[in-house]
C-alpha atoms as a PDB file:
ATOM      1  CA  MET A   1       3.008-127.005 -33.958  1.00  0.00           C
ATOM      2  CA  LYS A   2       0.705-124.284 -32.667  1.00  0.00           C
ATOM      3  CA  LYS A   3       2.032-122.138 -29.832  1.00  0.00           C
ATOM      4  CA  GLU A   4      -0.826-121.690 -27.358  1.00  0.00           C
ATOM      5  CA  PHE A   5       0.932-120.320 -24.287  1.00  0.00           C
ATOM      6  CA  ALA A   6       3.240-117.450 -23.400  1.00  0.00           C
ATOM      7  CA  LYS A   7       5.528-116.786 -20.475  1.00  0.00           C
ATOM      8  CA  VAL A   8       5.220-113.135 -19.541  1.00  0.00           C
ATOM      9  CA  ILE A   9       7.212-110.863 -17.234  1.00  0.00           C
ATOM     10  CA  VAL A  10       4.715-108.517 -15.563  1.00  0.00           C
ATOM     11  CA  ASP A  11       5.729-104.866 -15.348  1.00  0.00           C
ATOM     12  CA  ILE A  12       5.519-104.689 -11.543  1.00  0.00           C
ATOM     13  CA  SER A  13       8.476-104.282  -9.219  1.00  0.00           C
ATOM     14  CA  HIS A  14       7.557-106.517  -6.309  1.00  0.00           C
ATOM     15  CA  GLU A  15       9.358-109.578  -4.999  1.00  0.00           C
ATOM     16  CA  LYS A  16       6.205-111.740  -5.041  1.00  0.00           C
ATOM     17  CA  VAL A  17       5.870-111.340  -8.804  1.00  0.00           C
ATOM     18  CA  ASP A  18       9.564-111.781  -9.518  1.00  0.00           C
ATOM     19  CA  ARG A  19       8.982-114.604 -11.997  1.00  0.00           C
ATOM     20  CA  PRO A  20       7.318-115.121 -15.370  1.00  0.00           C
ATOM     21  CA  PHE A  21       3.615-115.955 -15.462  1.00  0.00           C
ATOM     22  CA  GLY A  22       1.879-118.218 -17.953  1.00  0.00           C
ATOM     23  CA  TYR A  23      -0.918-116.934 -20.193  1.00  0.00           C
ATOM     24  CA  ARG A  24      -3.016-118.434 -22.958  1.00  0.00           C
ATOM     25  CA  ILE A  25      -2.598-116.914 -26.395  1.00  0.00           C
ATOM     26  CA  PRO A  26      -6.028-116.289 -27.929  1.00  0.00           C
ATOM     27  CA  GLU A  27      -6.501-117.399 -31.531  1.00  0.00           C
ATOM     28  CA  ARG A  28      -6.975-113.778 -32.681  1.00  0.00           C
ATOM     29  CA  LEU A  29      -3.462-112.922 -31.406  1.00  0.00           C
ATOM     30  CA  ALA A  30      -1.693-116.131 -32.406  1.00  0.00           C
ATOM     31  CA  ASP A  31       0.349-114.468 -35.176  1.00  0.00           C
ATOM     32  CA  SER A  32       1.211-111.391 -33.088  1.00  0.00           C
ATOM     33  CA  VAL A  33       2.413-112.890 -29.803  1.00  0.00           C
ATOM     34  CA  THR A  34       6.116-113.629 -30.134  1.00  0.00           C
ATOM     35  CA  PRO A  35       9.072-113.285 -27.760  1.00  0.00           C
ATOM     36  CA  GLY A  36       9.874-109.625 -27.262  1.00  0.00           C
ATOM     37  CA  VAL A  37       6.415-108.115 -27.741  1.00  0.00           C
ATOM     38  CA  ARG A  38       4.669-106.036 -25.111  1.00  0.00           C
ATOM     39  CA  VAL A  39       1.206-107.219 -24.131  1.00  0.00           C
ATOM     40  CA  LYS A  40      -1.717-106.190 -21.947  1.00  0.00           C
ATOM     41  CA  ILE A  41      -2.624-108.943 -19.511  1.00  0.00           C
ATOM     42  CA  PRO A  42      -5.178-109.360 -16.733  1.00  0.00           C
ATOM     43  CA  PHE A  43      -3.297-109.659 -13.469  1.00  0.00           C
ATOM     44  CA  GLY A  44      -4.224-110.430  -9.889  1.00  0.00           C
ATOM     45  CA  ALA A  45      -7.558-111.208  -8.282  1.00  0.00           C
ATOM     46  CA  GLY A  46      -9.170-108.102  -9.789  1.00  0.00           C
ATOM     47  CA  ASN A  47      -7.793-108.817 -13.268  1.00  0.00           C
ATOM     48  CA  ALA A  48      -6.403-105.298 -13.585  1.00  0.00           C
ATOM     49  CA  LEU A  49      -4.841-104.860 -17.017  1.00  0.00           C
ATOM     50  CA  ARG A  50      -1.054-104.597 -16.754  1.00  0.00           C
ATOM     51  CA  THR A  51       1.740-104.356 -19.256  1.00  0.00           C
ATOM     52  CA  GLY A  52       3.893-107.434 -19.660  1.00  0.00           C
ATOM     53  CA  TYR A  53       6.727-108.643 -21.868  1.00  0.00           C
ATOM     54  CA  VAL A  54       6.589-111.997 -23.615  1.00  0.00           C
ATOM     55  CA  ILE A  55       9.788-113.926 -23.019  1.00  0.00           C
ATOM     56  CA  GLU A  56       8.742-117.267 -24.489  1.00  0.00           C
ATOM     57  CA  VAL A  57       5.941-118.902 -26.457  1.00  0.00           C
ATOM     58  CA  THR A  58       5.329-122.615 -26.175  1.00  0.00           C
ATOM     59  CA  ASP A  59       2.865-125.363 -26.998  1.00  0.00           C
ATOM     60  CA  HIS A  60       2.581-126.620 -23.412  1.00  0.00           C
ATOM     61  CA  SER A  61       2.037-125.263 -19.912  1.00  0.00           C
ATOM     62  CA  GLU A  62       2.614-126.460 -16.362  1.00  0.00           C
ATOM     63  CA  PHE A  63      -0.912-125.325 -15.450  1.00  0.00           C
ATOM     64  CA  PRO A  64      -4.312-126.543 -16.635  1.00  0.00           C
ATOM     65  CA  ARG A  65      -5.385-124.507 -19.674  1.00  0.00           C
ATOM     66  CA  GLU A  66      -8.795-123.672 -18.197  1.00  0.00           C
ATOM     67  CA  ARG A  67      -7.199-122.053 -15.122  1.00  0.00           C
ATOM     68  CA  MET A  68      -4.951-119.732 -17.131  1.00  0.00           C
ATOM     69  CA  LYS A  69      -5.836-116.171 -18.046  1.00  0.00           C
ATOM     70  CA  GLU A  70      -5.714-114.993 -21.633  1.00  0.00           C
ATOM     71  CA  ILE A  71      -3.559-112.235 -23.098  1.00  0.00           C
ATOM     72  CA  ASP A  72      -5.810-109.233 -23.727  1.00  0.00           C
ATOM     73  CA  SER A  73      -3.915-107.421 -26.485  1.00  0.00           C
ATOM     74  CA  VAL A  74      -0.557-106.740 -28.105  1.00  0.00           C
ATOM     75  CA  LEU A  75       0.933-103.272 -27.628  1.00  0.00           C
ATOM     76  CA  PRO A  76       3.047-101.307 -30.101  1.00  0.00           C
ATOM     77  CA  GLY A  77       6.788-101.694 -29.768  1.00  0.00           C
ATOM     78  CA  THR A  78       8.999-104.747 -29.642  1.00  0.00           C
ATOM     79  CA  ILE A  79      12.084-105.471 -27.584  1.00  0.00           C
ATOM     80  CA  SER A  80      15.194-105.733 -29.735  1.00  0.00           C
ATOM     81  CA  PRO A  81      16.567-109.289 -30.075  1.00  0.00           C
ATOM     82  CA  SER A  82      19.856-108.443 -28.350  1.00  0.00           C
ATOM     83  CA  CYS A  83      18.037-106.825 -25.435  1.00  0.00           C
ATOM     84  CA  HIS A  84      15.688-109.829 -25.244  1.00  0.00           C
ATOM     85  CA  ASP A  85      18.691-112.156 -24.922  1.00  0.00           C
ATOM     86  CA  THR A  86      20.157-109.948 -22.160  1.00  0.00           C
ATOM     87  CA  VAL A  87      16.868-109.951 -20.264  1.00  0.00           C
ATOM     88  CA  ILE A  88      16.497-113.742 -20.528  1.00  0.00           C
ATOM     89  CA  GLY A  89      20.069-114.273 -19.389  1.00  0.00           C
ATOM     90  CA  PHE A  90      19.697-111.942 -16.433  1.00  0.00           C
ATOM     91  CA  PHE A  91      16.343-113.423 -15.461  1.00  0.00           C
ATOM     92  CA  THR A  92      17.603-116.985 -15.738  1.00  0.00           C
ATOM     93  CA  PHE A  93      20.904-116.629 -13.911  1.00  0.00           C
ATOM     94  CA  SER A  94      20.149-113.943 -11.342  1.00  0.00           C
ATOM     95  CA  SER A  95      18.392-114.556  -8.057  1.00  0.00           C
ATOM     96  CA  CYS A  96      18.683-111.131  -6.462  1.00  0.00           C
ATOM     97  CA  SER A  97      15.538-109.472  -5.187  1.00  0.00           C
ATOM     98  CA  PHE A  98      15.876-106.444  -7.462  1.00  0.00           C
ATOM     99  CA  ARG A  99      16.239-108.359 -10.725  1.00  0.00           C
ATOM    100  CA  LEU A 100      12.723-107.515 -11.931  1.00  0.00           C
ATOM    101  CA  LEU A 101      13.305-103.812 -11.261  1.00  0.00           C
ATOM    102  CA  PHE A 102      16.500-104.014 -13.317  1.00  0.00           C
ATOM    103  CA  ILE A 103      14.756-105.918 -16.089  1.00  0.00           C
ATOM    104  CA  ASN A 104      11.874-103.429 -16.212  1.00  0.00           C
ATOM    105  CA  CYS A 105      14.304-100.514 -16.474  1.00  0.00           C
ATOM    106  CA  LEU A 106      16.212-102.301 -19.217  1.00  0.00           C
ATOM    107  CA  LEU A 107      13.064-103.211 -21.122  1.00  0.00           C
ATOM    108  CA  ASN A 108      11.796 -99.631 -21.121  1.00  0.00           C
ATOM    109  CA  PHE A 109      14.970 -98.549 -22.947  1.00  0.00           C
ATOM    110  CA  CYS A 110      15.025-101.466 -25.409  1.00  0.00           C
ATOM    111  CA  ILE A 111      11.679-101.018 -27.107  1.00  0.00           C
ATOM    112  CA  TYR A 112      11.756-100.009 -30.750  1.00  0.00           C
END
């Protein structure tokens, strides 16, 4: 089954964005967007391009497809599988307000 959507952690340390965001995977990037890759994504009302980290790809989304933004590009460097598992575990089981800051620090050291 085709994976059309990605959950992305945005590289911003702010409590209001302390969750993954859903993005559409464009056809041209379908083979490149996998868990652990860094991506450029439009973010916010002004659609400023930000770096994000794909934590999951899926064939469904909680939001209507037409309302979702599309991943702009894939960046060089991938998060190691063991680091990816650590990030997912921390993100899933932690509820502290600084978890995204911790995750961003961790991700910046785990890219190969």
